[in-house]
Amino acid sequence: MASFGYQVLGFGSGGAGQAPYTVRYLVIGGGGAGPSVGGGGGAGGYRTISCKTFEVCGASPITVTVGAGGGTGQRGNDSVFSTITSTSGGRGSTSQGTPPCTSQGGSGGGGYGASGIGGNGGSGNTPPTSPSQGSNGGNASGVNGATSGGGGGAGGSGGNGSLRSGSAGGSGTSSNITGSCVTQAGGGGGGWLQSNGGGSGGPGGGGAGGNPSTSGTANTGGGGGAGTHPGWDPPNGNSSGGSGQVIIRRLTISSCTTSGSTSTSGCDTIHTFNSPGEFTP
């Protein structure tokens, strides 16, 4: 399991001279990676609200953690804003059977199967949140040769592998928090027996499986694609999961803070964190 990530500590419960106000947020965890051979990586957890209802107050900085994507065959890292945690994406499986060598997470990693033995994908929305922060990884049947499931995405489960194929990663989810609709947190595609047969990455930054596999897109939480089977090609997957992101939207008149990278949309100011930072109400 990857042990790195970006974190800045400090959460203030209040401060003189600053009235409480409410914000909208989008918090995406770091994506999991596909292995050199096997199932696609799961997308990082995706947590958001559709209107400004989350209260912040005080002049002390609020913790912002932006989760790094997992390295080859590893899960990602969590992203955090205040009390909101989006769990990292699960890694893709490297072995058939149950329990599989895969992992649960915001979205689960894809399963791998071979020689008639299937493998289940990892569970998404783990730990559970409401609304759900992600979906399950795809299963692999193991029938008719090696198969692999796609990693789960925020908006849909990874595809199930069958008939010597690598399946597509699950789709991500769209948000207009920045003023434009952007899809993020897609799952990684599963690998296959041959170099040209990997599954596509899920819409929203998921990396494709195959030779070569591709990484999840940075700051989308996308899962990384998996490599191909060594019986046909040498192991060649070296992709990683995409890093996460934290976005906070508030009424411009509520505060004069310039935390993160700022932009405006109508009467609101948007604070985007792609790396370490603090949000000061």
Protein backbone atom coordinates (compact mmCIF):
# COMPACT_ATOMS: atom_id res chain seq x y z
CA MET A 1 0.00 0.00 0.00
CA ALA A 2 1.28 3.44 -0.88
CA SER A 3 2.17 5.49 2.17
CA PHE A 4 2.62 8.89 0.63
CA GLY A 5 0.25 11.74 -0.05
CA TYR A 6 -0.11 15.43 0.43
CA GLN A 7 -1.29 16.73 3.78
CA VAL A 8 -1.38 20.03 5.58
CA LEU A 9 -2.49 19.94 9.18
CA GLY A 10 -4.63 22.30 11.14
CA PHE A 11 -8.34 22.80 11.68
CA GLY A 12 -9.65 25.77 13.61
CA SER A 13 -13.04 25.68 15.32
CA GLY A 14 -13.50 29.41 15.44
CA GLY A 15 -11.92 32.81 15.50
CA ALA A 16 -12.82 36.38 16.34
CA GLY A 17 -14.08 38.71 13.63
CA GLN A 18 -15.25 36.12 11.10
CA ALA A 19 -18.91 35.11 10.93
CA PRO A 20 -19.73 31.53 9.89
CA TYR A 21 -20.83 30.98 6.30
CA THR A 22 -21.61 28.01 4.07
CA VAL A 23 -19.69 26.53 1.13
CA ARG A 24 -20.06 23.88 -1.54
CA TYR A 25 -17.29 21.26 -1.89
CA LEU A 26 -15.93 18.56 -4.18
CA VAL A 27 -13.41 16.15 -2.66
CA ILE A 28 -11.81 13.43 -4.83
CA GLY A 29 -9.40 10.81 -3.48
CA GLY A 30 -6.29 9.56 -5.26
CA GLY A 31 -6.89 6.79 -7.80
CA GLY A 32 -5.63 3.24 -7.44
CA ALA A 33 -3.27 1.71 -10.00
CA GLY A 34 -3.48 -1.33 -12.21
CA PRO A 35 -0.69 -3.90 -11.83
CA SER A 36 1.78 -4.96 -14.52
CA VAL A 37 -0.70 -7.78 -15.28
CA GLY A 38 -4.31 -7.87 -14.11
CA GLY A 39 -7.37 -5.73 -13.34
CA GLY A 40 -7.71 -1.96 -13.66
CA GLY A 41 -7.28 0.42 -10.74
CA GLY A 42 -10.32 1.90 -9.02
CA ALA A 43 -11.01 5.64 -9.01
CA GLY A 44 -10.62 7.67 -5.86
CA GLY A 45 -13.71 8.38 -3.79
CA TYR A 46 -15.91 11.22 -5.05
CA ARG A 47 -17.84 13.30 -2.51
CA THR A 48 -19.69 16.51 -3.27
CA ILE A 49 -22.79 18.55 -2.48
CA SER A 50 -24.88 20.42 -5.04
CA CYS A 51 -25.37 23.66 -3.11
CA LYS A 52 -23.62 25.73 -0.45
CA THR A 53 -24.74 24.08 2.78
CA PHE A 54 -21.48 23.07 4.54
CA GLU A 55 -20.66 25.55 7.31
CA VAL A 56 -17.18 26.92 7.92
CA CYS A 57 -16.18 29.49 10.51
CA GLY A 58 -13.24 31.13 12.21
CA ALA A 59 -9.94 32.49 10.97
CA SER A 60 -7.86 29.36 11.57
CA PRO A 61 -6.93 27.21 8.55
CA ILE A 62 -8.96 24.10 7.72
CA THR A 63 -7.09 20.92 6.80
CA VAL A 64 -6.87 20.19 3.08
CA THR A 65 -5.32 16.89 2.03
CA VAL A 66 -4.94 16.04 -1.65
CA GLY A 67 -4.40 12.30 -2.07
CA ALA A 68 -1.63 11.10 -4.36
CA GLY A 69 -2.38 8.37 -6.90
CA GLY A 70 -1.10 4.88 -6.18
CA GLY A 71 2.06 3.56 -7.82
CA THR A 72 1.96 0.42 -10.01
CA GLY A 73 -0.26 -2.19 -8.36
CA GLN A 74 -1.00 -0.03 -5.31
CA ARG A 75 -4.04 1.83 -4.03
CA GLY A 76 -4.12 5.61 -3.86
CA ASN A 77 -4.31 8.00 -0.90
CA ASP A 78 -7.26 9.72 0.75
CA SER A 79 -8.26 13.35 0.20
CA VAL A 80 -9.71 15.38 3.07
CA PHE A 81 -11.45 18.72 3.56
CA SER A 82 -12.39 19.36 7.20
CA THR A 83 -14.64 16.44 8.23
CA ILE A 84 -15.11 15.18 4.65
CA THR A 85 -12.87 12.27 3.59
CA SER A 86 -12.86 10.74 0.11
CA THR A 87 -11.24 7.33 0.27
CA SER A 88 -8.47 6.28 -2.08
CA GLY A 89 -9.18 4.01 -5.05
CA GLY A 90 -8.47 0.29 -4.79
CA ARG A 91 -5.63 -1.42 -6.63
CA GLY A 92 -6.27 -3.85 -9.48
CA SER A 93 -6.01 -7.60 -8.89
CA THR A 94 -2.96 -9.65 -9.81
CA SER A 95 -4.24 -13.16 -9.04
CA GLN A 96 -7.33 -15.27 -9.57
CA GLY A 97 -9.49 -16.86 -6.91
CA THR A 98 -11.31 -15.63 -3.81
CA PRO A 99 -10.30 -13.62 -1.92
CA PRO A 100 -8.63 -11.83 -4.81
CA CYS A 101 -5.42 -9.87 -4.60
CA THR A 102 -7.33 -6.66 -5.12
CA SER A 103 -8.61 -3.96 -2.84
CA GLN A 104 -11.72 -2.08 -1.92
CA GLY A 105 -11.84 1.69 -1.67
CA GLY A 106 -13.69 4.76 -2.86
CA SER A 107 -14.09 2.69 -6.01
CA GLY A 108 -12.83 -0.90 -6.10
CA GLY A 109 -10.06 -2.34 -8.26
CA GLY A 110 -10.83 -4.80 -11.08
CA GLY A 111 -10.52 -8.56 -10.63
CA TYR A 112 -8.31 -10.99 -12.57
CA GLY A 113 -8.98 -14.60 -13.61
CA ALA A 114 -7.19 -17.34 -15.54
CA SER A 115 -7.26 -21.11 -16.18
CA GLY A 116 -10.93 -21.40 -15.32
CA ILE A 117 -10.59 -19.64 -11.96
CA GLY A 118 -12.28 -16.27 -11.68
CA GLY A 119 -11.53 -13.33 -9.47
CA ASN A 120 -13.87 -10.77 -7.93
CA GLY A 121 -13.37 -7.04 -8.15
CA GLY A 122 -12.97 -4.94 -5.02
CA SER A 123 -15.94 -3.27 -3.34
CA GLY A 124 -16.55 0.44 -3.87
CA ASN A 125 -18.02 2.97 -1.42
CA THR A 126 -15.81 1.57 1.34
CA PRO A 127 -16.15 2.84 4.00
CA PRO A 128 -19.77 3.62 3.11
CA THR A 129 -20.97 7.17 2.61
CA SER A 130 -24.34 8.56 1.57
CA PRO A 131 -24.52 9.43 -1.27
CA SER A 132 -22.11 6.71 -2.41
CA GLN A 133 -18.53 7.83 -3.08
CA GLY A 134 -17.85 5.17 -5.71
CA SER A 135 -18.57 1.82 -7.38
CA ASN A 136 -17.34 -1.79 -7.45
CA GLY A 137 -14.53 -3.09 -9.62
CA GLY A 138 -15.45 -5.53 -12.39
CA ASN A 139 -15.22 -9.29 -11.92
CA ALA A 140 -13.21 -11.70 -14.09
CA SER A 141 -14.54 -15.12 -15.05
CA GLY A 142 -11.29 -16.87 -15.96
CA VAL A 143 -13.16 -18.80 -18.68
CA ASN A 144 -11.40 -19.27 -22.04
CA GLY A 145 -8.12 -17.87 -20.83
CA ALA A 146 -7.01 -14.89 -18.81
CA THR A 147 -9.52 -12.09 -18.27
CA SER A 148 -9.57 -8.93 -16.22
CA GLY A 149 -12.17 -6.55 -14.88
CA GLY A 150 -12.09 -2.78 -15.13
CA GLY A 151 -11.66 -0.59 -12.09
CA GLY A 152 -14.77 1.00 -10.64
CA GLY A 153 -15.57 4.66 -11.25
CA ALA A 154 -17.54 7.26 -9.32
CA GLY A 155 -20.48 6.91 -11.70
CA GLY A 156 -20.45 3.19 -12.54
CA SER A 157 -18.91 -0.21 -11.88
CA GLY A 158 -15.97 -1.56 -13.88
CA GLY A 159 -16.75 -3.91 -16.76
CA ASN A 160 -16.64 -7.67 -16.18
CA GLY A 161 -13.87 -9.53 -18.01
CA SER A 162 -14.77 -12.50 -20.22
CA LEU A 163 -13.64 -14.28 -23.42
CA ARG A 164 -9.98 -13.29 -23.20
CA SER A 165 -10.61 -9.60 -22.86
CA GLY A 166 -9.66 -6.69 -20.68
CA SER A 167 -12.73 -4.71 -19.70
CA ALA A 168 -13.34 -0.98 -19.58
CA GLY A 169 -13.10 1.08 -16.43
CA GLY A 170 -16.27 2.43 -14.84
CA SER A 171 -17.45 5.91 -15.77
CA GLY A 172 -16.76 8.96 -13.66
CA THR A 173 -19.19 11.62 -12.47
CA SER A 174 -19.73 15.17 -13.72
CA SER A 175 -19.83 18.32 -11.58
CA ASN A 176 -20.38 21.99 -12.43
CA ILE A 177 -18.81 23.31 -9.23
CA THR A 178 -16.27 25.35 -11.22
CA GLY A 179 -18.95 26.82 -13.50
CA SER A 180 -18.32 24.26 -16.26
CA CYS A 181 -19.33 20.59 -16.33
CA VAL A 182 -16.26 18.38 -15.82
CA THR A 183 -16.24 14.57 -15.49
CA GLN A 184 -13.75 13.03 -13.04
CA ALA A 185 -12.98 9.80 -11.14
CA GLY A 186 -13.16 7.25 -13.98
CA GLY A 187 -11.86 3.71 -13.41
CA GLY A 188 -8.79 2.17 -15.05
CA GLY A 189 -9.07 -0.38 -17.88
CA GLY A 190 -8.12 -4.02 -17.38
CA GLY A 191 -5.18 -5.66 -19.18
CA TRP A 192 -5.39 -8.57 -21.64
CA LEU A 193 -3.41 -11.44 -23.18
CA GLN A 194 -2.18 -9.34 -26.08
CA SER A 195 -0.78 -5.87 -26.35
CA ASN A 196 -3.67 -4.42 -28.35
CA GLY A 197 -6.51 -5.83 -26.28
CA GLY A 198 -6.63 -3.85 -23.04
CA GLY A 199 -9.82 -2.21 -21.81
CA SER A 200 -10.41 1.51 -22.24
CA GLY A 201 -10.20 3.88 -19.31
CA GLY A 202 -13.47 5.11 -17.86
CA PRO A 203 -14.61 8.64 -18.85
CA GLY A 204 -13.25 11.03 -16.27
CA GLY A 205 -9.52 10.39 -16.27
CA GLY A 206 -9.28 6.59 -16.13
CA GLY A 207 -6.16 5.13 -17.74
CA ALA A 208 -6.35 2.47 -20.48
CA GLY A 209 -5.15 -1.10 -20.05
CA GLY A 210 -2.81 -2.81 -22.53
CA ASN A 211 0.71 -2.34 -23.87
CA PRO A 212 1.54 0.17 -22.75
CA SER A 213 -0.97 0.80 -20.01
CA THR A 214 -1.66 4.44 -19.19
CA SER A 215 -1.92 6.29 -15.92
CA GLY A 216 -4.99 7.96 -14.49
CA THR A 217 -5.13 11.67 -15.28
CA ALA A 218 -3.70 13.95 -12.60
CA ASN A 219 -6.20 15.74 -10.35
CA THR A 220 -9.13 13.61 -11.49
CA GLY A 221 -8.69 10.66 -9.14
CA GLY A 222 -8.77 8.37 -12.20
CA GLY A 223 -7.67 4.75 -11.83
CA GLY A 224 -4.58 3.51 -13.66
CA GLY A 225 -4.79 0.93 -16.46
CA ALA A 226 -3.31 -2.57 -16.14
CA GLY A 227 -0.67 -4.23 -18.32
CA THR A 228 -0.88 -7.35 -20.47
CA HIS A 229 -0.40 -11.06 -19.75
CA PRO A 230 3.21 -12.36 -19.67
CA GLY A 231 2.28 -15.49 -21.64
CA TRP A 232 1.98 -13.31 -24.73
CA ASP A 233 4.01 -10.23 -23.90
CA PRO A 234 6.44 -9.39 -21.11
CA PRO A 235 4.76 -7.66 -18.17
CA ASN A 236 4.61 -4.05 -19.25
CA GLY A 237 2.24 -2.14 -17.00
CA ASN A 238 3.86 0.67 -15.07
CA SER A 239 1.00 3.10 -14.77
CA SER A 240 -0.17 4.94 -11.67
CA GLY A 241 -3.45 6.29 -10.40
CA GLY A 242 -4.34 9.94 -10.90
CA SER A 243 -3.96 12.32 -7.97
CA GLY A 244 -7.06 13.72 -6.32
CA GLN A 245 -8.45 17.23 -5.99
CA VAL A 246 -10.35 19.44 -3.54
CA ILE A 247 -12.58 22.32 -4.70
CA ILE A 248 -14.48 24.74 -2.46
CA ARG A 249 -17.08 27.23 -3.74
CA ARG A 250 -18.44 30.16 -1.70
CA LEU A 251 -20.21 33.48 -2.13
CA THR A 252 -17.56 36.08 -2.92
CA ILE A 253 -18.97 38.49 -0.32
CA SER A 254 -18.60 35.88 2.45
CA SER A 255 -14.82 36.19 2.77
CA CYS A 256 -11.69 37.76 1.32
CA THR A 257 -9.55 34.60 1.54
CA THR A 258 -7.38 33.69 -1.45
CA SER A 259 -6.67 30.11 -0.38
CA GLY A 260 -5.67 27.71 -3.14
CA SER A 261 -5.97 28.69 -6.79
CA THR A 262 -8.96 31.01 -7.15
CA SER A 263 -11.41 31.78 -9.95
CA THR A 264 -14.88 33.29 -10.10
CA SER A 265 -18.25 32.23 -11.50
CA GLY A 266 -21.14 34.65 -11.15
CA CYS A 267 -21.38 35.77 -7.52
CA ASP A 268 -19.10 32.97 -6.29
CA THR A 269 -15.39 32.40 -5.77
CA ILE A 270 -13.96 28.92 -6.41
CA HIS A 271 -10.89 27.63 -4.57
CA THR A 272 -9.10 24.73 -6.27
CA PHE A 273 -6.47 22.59 -4.51
CA ASN A 274 -4.33 20.34 -6.71
CA SER A 275 -1.55 20.14 -4.13
CA PRO A 276 -0.97 20.91 -0.41
CA GLY A 277 -2.87 23.86 0.96
CA GLU A 278 -4.99 25.43 3.67
CA PHE A 279 -8.44 26.95 3.39
CA THR A 280 -8.74 29.95 5.69
CA PRO A 281 -12.36 31.02 6.22
